[in-house]
């Protein structure tokens, strides 16, 4: 599994889960929204074996934690980059951060 952390750029406007849903739809990968409870909401893109956990503080979407399970993650990685760029967010490799801490 590959993980990515998506966060807003310093000058990005506030975004919602619906903004992300629309962005993925425009790129040809409509996600479903799955709320496990009031505290966990996931965007699921089954066609590319990707899911994103919404990190919400108060009423503000502050991050998305992406989990990519596809054997070939290149489509999902490209999609995350395109969607994030379109919404003025950044994609970070969580593994790079762990290596930096050592």
Protein backbone atom coordinates (compact mmCIF):
# COMPACT_ATOMS: atom_id res chain seq x y z
CA UNK A 1 0.00 0.00 0.00
CA UNK A 2 1.14 3.52 -0.82
CA UNK A 3 0.06 6.46 1.32
CA UNK A 4 -0.07 10.14 0.51
CA UNK A 5 -1.02 13.17 2.57
CA UNK A 6 -2.91 15.92 0.76
CA UNK A 7 -2.95 19.34 2.38
CA UNK A 8 -3.98 22.81 1.23
CA UNK A 9 -1.33 25.18 -0.08
CA UNK A 10 -0.71 28.16 2.19
CA UNK A 11 -2.96 30.40 0.08
CA UNK A 12 -5.67 27.88 -0.79
CA UNK A 13 -9.32 28.68 -0.08
CA UNK A 14 -11.27 26.37 2.19
CA UNK A 15 -12.42 23.21 0.44
CA UNK A 16 -15.07 20.63 1.25
CA UNK A 17 -15.42 16.93 0.64
CA UNK A 18 -17.95 17.82 -2.06
CA UNK A 19 -15.32 20.00 -3.78
CA UNK A 20 -13.03 16.97 -3.94
CA UNK A 21 -15.86 14.72 -5.14
CA UNK A 22 -16.62 17.14 -7.98
CA UNK A 23 -12.93 17.43 -8.88
CA UNK A 24 -12.52 13.66 -9.17
CA UNK A 25 -15.76 13.46 -11.20
CA UNK A 26 -14.45 16.10 -13.63
CA UNK A 27 -11.29 14.02 -14.07
CA UNK A 28 -13.34 10.92 -14.91
CA UNK A 29 -13.13 9.06 -11.59
CA UNK A 30 -16.35 9.60 -9.64
CA UNK A 31 -15.89 8.63 -6.00
CA UNK A 32 -18.46 7.48 -3.54
CA UNK A 33 -18.63 9.02 -0.09
CA UNK A 34 -18.73 6.62 2.83
CA UNK A 35 -19.30 7.88 6.37
CA UNK A 36 -18.41 5.19 8.92
CA UNK A 37 -19.65 7.41 11.72
CA UNK A 38 -19.80 11.11 12.44
CA UNK A 39 -16.02 11.24 12.79
CA UNK A 40 -14.82 9.27 9.74
CA UNK A 41 -15.65 10.13 6.17
CA UNK A 42 -13.99 8.42 3.21
CA UNK A 43 -13.89 9.20 -0.48
CA UNK A 44 -13.72 5.84 -2.26
CA UNK A 45 -12.52 5.46 -5.86
CA UNK A 46 -12.95 1.73 -6.33
CA UNK A 47 -11.94 1.67 -10.00
CA UNK A 48 -8.34 2.53 -9.04
CA UNK A 49 -8.34 0.97 -5.56
CA UNK A 50 -7.91 4.29 -3.78
CA UNK A 51 -9.54 5.72 -0.69
CA UNK A 52 -9.09 9.05 1.05
CA UNK A 53 -9.83 9.72 4.71
CA UNK A 54 -11.06 13.26 5.33
CA UNK A 55 -9.38 15.05 8.23
CA UNK A 56 -11.80 17.68 9.49
CA UNK A 57 -11.15 20.19 12.27
CA UNK A 58 -14.34 21.90 13.32
CA UNK A 59 -16.07 22.36 10.01
CA UNK A 60 -12.90 22.78 7.92
CA UNK A 61 -11.36 20.06 5.74
CA UNK A 62 -7.68 20.29 6.70
CA UNK A 63 -6.24 17.23 4.97
CA UNK A 64 -6.92 14.01 3.13
CA UNK A 65 -5.02 10.82 3.91
CA UNK A 66 -4.87 8.71 0.74
CA UNK A 67 -4.37 4.95 0.65
CA UNK A 68 -3.55 3.42 -2.73
CA UNK A 69 -3.84 -0.35 -2.99
CA UNK A 70 -3.58 -0.89 -6.76
CA UNK A 71 -0.86 -3.20 -8.06
CA UNK A 72 0.11 -0.39 -10.45
CA UNK A 73 -0.53 2.89 -8.59
CA UNK A 74 0.56 5.18 -11.42
CA UNK A 75 -3.01 6.11 -12.44
CA UNK A 76 -4.01 6.88 -8.85
CA UNK A 77 -0.85 8.90 -8.18
CA UNK A 78 -1.42 10.94 -11.33
CA UNK A 79 -5.06 11.49 -10.43
CA UNK A 80 -4.17 12.71 -6.93
CA UNK A 81 -1.64 15.16 -8.38
CA UNK A 82 -4.13 16.48 -10.95
CA UNK A 83 -6.97 16.84 -8.47
CA UNK A 84 -4.77 18.51 -5.85
CA UNK A 85 -3.33 20.97 -8.37
CA UNK A 86 -6.82 21.90 -9.51
CA UNK A 87 -7.86 22.70 -5.93
CA UNK A 88 -4.58 24.40 -4.92
CA UNK A 89 -3.58 21.57 -2.58
CA UNK A 90 -0.27 19.70 -2.25
CA UNK A 91 0.49 15.98 -2.26
CA UNK A 92 3.15 14.71 0.12
CA UNK A 93 4.77 11.30 0.29
CA UNK A 94 4.36 10.16 3.89
CA UNK A 95 7.27 7.72 3.56
CA UNK A 96 9.69 10.59 2.80
CA UNK A 97 8.69 12.25 6.08
CA UNK A 98 9.40 9.08 8.07
CA UNK A 99 12.85 8.76 6.47
CA UNK A 100 13.66 12.38 7.37
CA UNK A 101 12.96 11.73 11.06
CA UNK A 102 15.61 9.01 11.35
